[in-house]
Protein backbone atom coordinates (compact mmCIF):
# COMPACT_ATOMS: atom_id res chain seq x y z
CA MET A 1 15.09 25.61 -39.16
CA LYS A 2 17.96 23.35 -40.20
CA THR A 3 16.81 20.74 -37.70
CA VAL A 4 13.32 20.79 -39.16
CA LYS A 5 14.63 20.28 -42.67
CA ILE A 6 16.77 17.36 -41.52
CA GLY A 7 13.73 15.81 -39.82
CA ILE A 8 11.57 16.17 -42.94
CA LEU A 9 14.33 14.69 -45.09
CA SER A 10 14.67 11.74 -42.70
CA ILE A 11 10.92 11.09 -42.90
CA MET A 12 11.02 11.28 -46.71
CA VAL A 13 13.92 8.74 -46.77
CA ILE A 14 12.03 6.33 -44.48
CA PHE A 15 8.92 6.56 -46.68
CA ALA A 16 11.02 5.98 -49.79
CA VAL A 17 12.64 2.92 -48.22
CA LEU A 18 9.27 1.56 -47.15
CA ALA A 19 7.84 2.12 -50.61
CA PHE A 20 10.80 0.27 -52.18
CA VAL A 21 10.37 -2.66 -49.82
CA TYR A 22 6.67 -2.79 -50.54
CA GLN A 23 7.17 -2.74 -54.29
CA GLN A 24 9.82 -5.52 -54.01
CA LYS A 25 7.59 -7.81 -51.89
CA PRO A 26 6.56 -10.66 -54.23
CA THR A 27 2.95 -11.75 -54.78
CA LEU A 28 1.71 -15.30 -54.98
CA TYR A 29 -1.22 -15.40 -57.40
CA LEU A 30 -3.71 -18.30 -57.36
CA ILE A 31 -5.69 -19.20 -60.48
CA GLY A 32 -8.25 -22.01 -60.70
CA ASP A 33 -11.87 -22.81 -60.09
CA SER A 34 -14.32 -23.05 -57.16
CA THR A 35 -12.16 -25.57 -55.30
CA THR A 36 -9.63 -22.77 -54.97
CA HIS A 37 -11.99 -19.77 -54.56
CA ASN A 38 -15.62 -20.17 -53.40
CA ALA A 39 -18.21 -18.20 -51.52
CA ASP A 40 -16.55 -18.88 -48.17
CA LYS A 41 -19.89 -19.55 -46.51
CA GLU A 42 -21.05 -23.18 -46.72
CA THR A 43 -18.41 -24.09 -49.21
CA TRP A 44 -14.85 -22.88 -49.23
CA GLY A 45 -11.85 -22.96 -51.50
CA TRP A 46 -8.39 -23.86 -50.26
CA GLY A 47 -7.06 -20.59 -51.59
CA SER A 48 -8.89 -18.73 -48.82
CA ILE A 49 -7.08 -20.78 -46.15
CA VAL A 50 -3.52 -21.06 -47.53
CA PRO A 51 -2.50 -17.44 -46.78
CA ASP A 52 -2.57 -18.35 -43.05
CA TYR A 53 0.49 -20.51 -43.67
CA PHE A 54 2.56 -17.72 -45.16
CA ASP A 55 4.42 -14.83 -43.57
CA LEU A 56 2.41 -12.04 -45.18
CA SER A 57 5.01 -9.44 -44.21
CA MET A 58 7.29 -11.16 -46.78
CA ILE A 59 4.82 -12.13 -49.51
CA SER A 60 1.30 -11.22 -50.59
CA VAL A 61 -1.25 -13.85 -51.62
CA LYS A 62 -3.92 -12.90 -54.15
CA ASN A 63 -6.65 -15.42 -55.03
CA HIS A 64 -7.87 -14.82 -58.61
CA ALA A 65 -9.51 -18.20 -59.01
CA MET A 66 -13.18 -18.10 -60.00
CA ALA A 67 -15.98 -20.65 -59.49
CA GLY A 68 -17.16 -22.50 -62.57
CA ARG A 69 -14.12 -21.75 -64.71
CA SER A 70 -12.05 -24.13 -66.81
CA THR A 71 -8.66 -23.38 -68.35
CA ARG A 72 -10.51 -22.42 -71.48
CA THR A 73 -13.01 -19.99 -69.93
CA PHE A 74 -10.43 -18.53 -67.53
CA LEU A 75 -8.48 -17.45 -70.59
CA LYS A 76 -11.49 -16.58 -72.79
CA GLU A 77 -13.06 -14.26 -70.14
CA GLY A 78 -9.86 -12.26 -69.75
CA ARG A 79 -9.17 -13.47 -66.25
CA TRP A 80 -5.71 -14.72 -67.13
CA GLN A 81 -4.96 -11.50 -68.95
CA LYS A 82 -5.76 -9.63 -65.73
CA VAL A 83 -3.34 -11.69 -63.72
CA ASP A 84 -0.72 -11.53 -66.39
CA SER A 85 -0.93 -7.73 -66.47
CA LEU A 86 -0.18 -7.66 -62.70
CA LEU A 87 2.83 -9.94 -62.78
CA LYS A 88 6.28 -8.57 -61.95
CA PRO A 89 9.67 -10.32 -61.70
CA GLY A 90 9.86 -12.36 -58.54
CA ASP A 91 6.17 -13.17 -58.36
CA TYR A 92 4.63 -16.62 -58.31
CA VAL A 93 1.57 -18.22 -59.93
CA MET A 94 -0.08 -21.37 -58.59
CA MET A 95 -2.39 -22.81 -61.21
CA VAL A 96 -4.85 -25.68 -60.74
CA PHE A 97 -7.77 -26.71 -62.96
CA GLY A 98 -9.55 -29.88 -63.95
CA HIS A 99 -13.03 -29.96 -62.42
CA ASN A 100 -14.75 -28.11 -65.26
CA GLU A 101 -12.93 -29.26 -68.39
CA GLY A 102 -14.48 -32.69 -68.97
CA SER A 103 -17.35 -32.04 -71.39
CA LYS A 104 -17.06 -32.13 -75.16
CA PRO A 105 -16.03 -28.65 -76.24
CA ASP A 106 -18.89 -26.86 -78.01
CA THR A 107 -21.23 -23.86 -77.61
CA THR A 108 -23.90 -25.61 -75.56
CA LYS A 109 -24.57 -24.94 -71.86
CA SER A 110 -22.73 -28.13 -70.96
CA GLY A 111 -19.88 -27.82 -73.45
CA TYR A 112 -18.85 -24.15 -73.36
CA ARG A 113 -16.17 -24.95 -70.72
CA GLY A 114 -14.92 -28.21 -72.23
CA VAL A 115 -11.43 -28.68 -73.59
CA LEU A 116 -9.72 -31.38 -75.60
CA LYS A 117 -8.17 -34.11 -73.51
CA GLY A 118 -4.43 -34.53 -73.07
CA THR A 119 -1.45 -32.24 -73.55
CA GLY A 120 -0.95 -32.16 -77.31
CA GLN A 121 -1.35 -29.53 -80.00
CA GLU A 122 -4.69 -30.77 -81.28
CA ASN A 123 -7.44 -28.19 -81.58
CA VAL A 124 -10.94 -27.83 -82.89
CA GLU A 125 -12.75 -24.73 -84.24
CA ILE A 126 -16.26 -24.07 -83.13
CA ALA A 127 -18.72 -21.44 -84.31
CA TRP A 128 -20.93 -19.53 -81.89
CA PRO A 129 -24.49 -18.58 -82.90
CA ASN A 130 -23.40 -14.92 -83.33
CA GLY A 131 -20.88 -16.00 -85.95
CA LEU A 132 -17.79 -15.70 -83.86
CA LYS A 133 -15.35 -18.63 -84.11
CA GLU A 134 -13.31 -20.05 -81.28
CA THR A 135 -10.33 -22.40 -81.42
CA VAL A 136 -10.44 -24.83 -78.51
CA HIS A 137 -7.21 -26.51 -77.43
CA THR A 138 -6.12 -29.29 -75.14
CA TYR A 139 -6.00 -29.03 -71.34
CA GLY A 140 -2.19 -29.07 -71.60
CA TRP A 141 -2.14 -26.31 -74.12
CA TYR A 142 -3.90 -23.90 -71.84
CA PHE A 143 -1.54 -24.79 -68.94
CA ARG A 144 1.40 -24.30 -71.22
CA LYS A 145 0.21 -20.85 -72.09
CA PHE A 146 -0.20 -19.87 -68.44
CA ILE A 147 3.26 -21.25 -67.70
CA ARG A 148 5.04 -19.53 -70.57
CA ASP A 149 3.33 -16.21 -70.00
CA THR A 150 4.31 -16.37 -66.33
CA LYS A 151 7.97 -17.11 -67.21
CA ALA A 152 7.98 -14.26 -69.72
CA LYS A 153 7.19 -11.83 -66.87
CA GLY A 154 10.06 -13.12 -64.77
CA ALA A 155 7.64 -14.85 -62.41
CA THR A 156 7.64 -18.49 -61.27
CA PRO A 157 4.81 -20.84 -62.32
CA ILE A 158 3.79 -23.71 -59.99
CA VAL A 159 1.41 -26.35 -61.35
CA LEU A 160 -0.92 -28.24 -59.02
CA SER A 161 -3.04 -31.30 -59.68
CA MET A 162 -6.75 -30.91 -58.87
CA ILE A 163 -8.19 -31.90 -55.49
CA PRO A 164 -9.91 -35.32 -55.47
CA ARG A 165 -13.65 -35.52 -55.42
CA ASN A 166 -15.59 -37.38 -52.78
CA GLU A 167 -15.90 -40.45 -54.95
CA PHE A 168 -14.75 -43.86 -53.71
CA ARG A 169 -14.43 -47.19 -55.46
CA ASP A 170 -13.70 -50.38 -53.51
CA GLY A 171 -12.94 -48.28 -50.43
CA LYS A 172 -10.37 -46.06 -52.16
CA VAL A 173 -10.89 -42.50 -53.46
CA ILE A 174 -10.79 -42.11 -57.23
CA ARG A 175 -7.68 -40.19 -58.22
CA ALA A 176 -6.87 -38.06 -61.19
CA ASN A 177 -3.59 -39.81 -61.95
CA HIS A 178 -4.75 -41.11 -65.27
CA ASP A 179 -6.21 -37.91 -66.69
CA TYR A 180 -6.14 -34.31 -65.44
CA GLY A 181 -3.66 -34.93 -62.65
CA GLN A 182 -1.35 -36.88 -64.97
CA TRP A 183 -1.64 -34.22 -67.71
CA ALA A 184 -0.86 -31.43 -65.27
CA ARG A 185 2.25 -33.30 -64.17
CA GLU A 186 3.31 -33.96 -67.78
CA VAL A 187 3.07 -30.29 -68.75
CA ALA A 188 5.02 -29.23 -65.63
CA GLN A 189 7.75 -31.73 -66.47
CA GLN A 190 7.84 -30.72 -70.19
CA GLU A 191 8.12 -27.06 -69.26
CA GLY A 192 10.58 -27.63 -66.46
CA VAL A 193 8.50 -26.05 -63.73
CA LEU A 194 7.52 -26.93 -60.18
CA PHE A 195 4.68 -29.37 -59.60
CA ILE A 196 2.64 -30.15 -56.48
CA ASP A 197 0.62 -33.34 -56.59
CA MET A 198 -2.23 -32.02 -54.36
CA ASN A 199 -4.48 -34.79 -55.77
CA SER A 200 -2.32 -37.57 -54.38
CA ILE A 201 -1.44 -35.83 -51.13
CA THR A 202 -5.11 -35.29 -50.27
CA ALA A 203 -6.20 -38.67 -51.67
CA ASP A 204 -3.71 -40.41 -49.34
CA LYS A 205 -5.51 -38.76 -46.40
CA TYR A 206 -8.93 -39.68 -47.74
CA ASP A 207 -7.92 -43.33 -48.19
CA GLN A 208 -6.76 -43.42 -44.61
CA TRP A 209 -9.89 -41.83 -43.20
CA GLY A 210 -12.42 -43.71 -45.37
CA PRO A 211 -15.63 -42.56 -47.12
CA ASP A 212 -17.72 -42.14 -43.95
CA SER A 213 -15.26 -39.63 -42.51
CA VAL A 214 -14.50 -37.88 -45.76
CA LYS A 215 -18.16 -37.15 -46.61
CA LYS A 216 -18.40 -34.66 -43.71
CA PHE A 217 -16.04 -32.36 -45.70
CA PHE A 218 -18.53 -32.17 -48.64
CA PRO A 219 -21.79 -30.52 -47.54
CA GLY A 220 -23.64 -30.42 -50.88
CA ASP A 221 -21.96 -32.50 -53.58
CA HIS A 222 -18.85 -34.51 -54.35
CA THR A 223 -16.64 -31.57 -55.41
CA HIS A 224 -17.04 -28.55 -53.12
CA THR A 225 -15.63 -28.71 -49.57
CA ASN A 226 -16.63 -26.93 -46.38
CA LYS A 227 -14.06 -24.88 -44.48
CA GLN A 228 -12.58 -27.98 -42.82
CA GLY A 229 -12.16 -29.67 -46.18
CA ALA A 230 -10.57 -26.52 -47.66
CA ALA A 231 -8.11 -26.46 -44.80
CA ILE A 232 -7.13 -30.05 -45.56
CA ASN A 233 -6.37 -29.10 -49.14
CA ALA A 234 -4.45 -25.98 -48.08
CA GLU A 235 -2.38 -28.23 -45.82
CA SER A 236 -1.76 -30.52 -48.80
CA VAL A 237 -0.41 -27.58 -50.80
CA VAL A 238 1.87 -26.55 -47.92
CA ALA A 239 3.03 -30.16 -47.53
CA GLY A 240 3.84 -30.24 -51.24
CA ILE A 241 5.94 -27.05 -50.89
CA ARG A 242 7.82 -28.32 -47.86
CA ALA A 243 8.48 -31.73 -49.58
CA ASP A 244 10.50 -30.00 -52.30
CA PRO A 245 13.61 -28.14 -51.06
CA LYS A 246 13.88 -26.51 -54.48
CA ASN A 247 10.54 -24.79 -54.11
CA PRO A 248 11.35 -21.11 -53.42
CA LEU A 249 8.06 -20.63 -51.50
CA ASN A 250 9.59 -22.47 -48.58
CA LYS A 251 11.30 -19.25 -47.46
CA TYR A 252 7.94 -17.52 -47.09
CA LEU A 253 6.20 -20.21 -45.03
CA LYS A 254 5.63 -19.69 -41.30
CA HIS A 255 7.79 -22.00 -39.20
């Protein structure tokens, strides 16, 4: 009888240890738009590929990005609040937006996702047909909120610049280093957080390969990649992590 009790106690201790280890395993959350999370059929987001590069026994990867969202609508729809509610100390949040913010912010079909340009504190108040009012901020303001909320939970924010579109000018891909990519970098620097210039890392590859080769990664338009294109962007993210010895995600990458 004593032996049975010792055996049961040992099993309970093992389960308690395993539960503790599981609870302590950090999670990497991804937030963004369709370039990060897509249908994974004809078009893919890089967030569906990047877990393959991590040791998932050491870290979990959860892709909360959603197609069609801007920083503004990701917050407005409660998607950020969901991620924020899940964060625990030691977690990570990779954030990347920029493809859906460009329209003038208003309540029309084309403008409901739009934000103000830049990283300042400017805002504009708009009124919806049902009488509700919404204050729309700059692209940088929304990033700053995501960053500060993440820090407040003891988690680590990592800002990424958006992937380049399949748009070439004079043989070179058009980069985001004068608008959304630049603003993402500026906010990261201002807030003292990690930054991965996925836009430039991927654009360097596109420039080398040329427009005829790059177009095979975009089956339907100039923004959404197929699985091969998503893998290229996932590799760019990993390259950005490896290039920065201070990035704590290095210890979770497969070697």
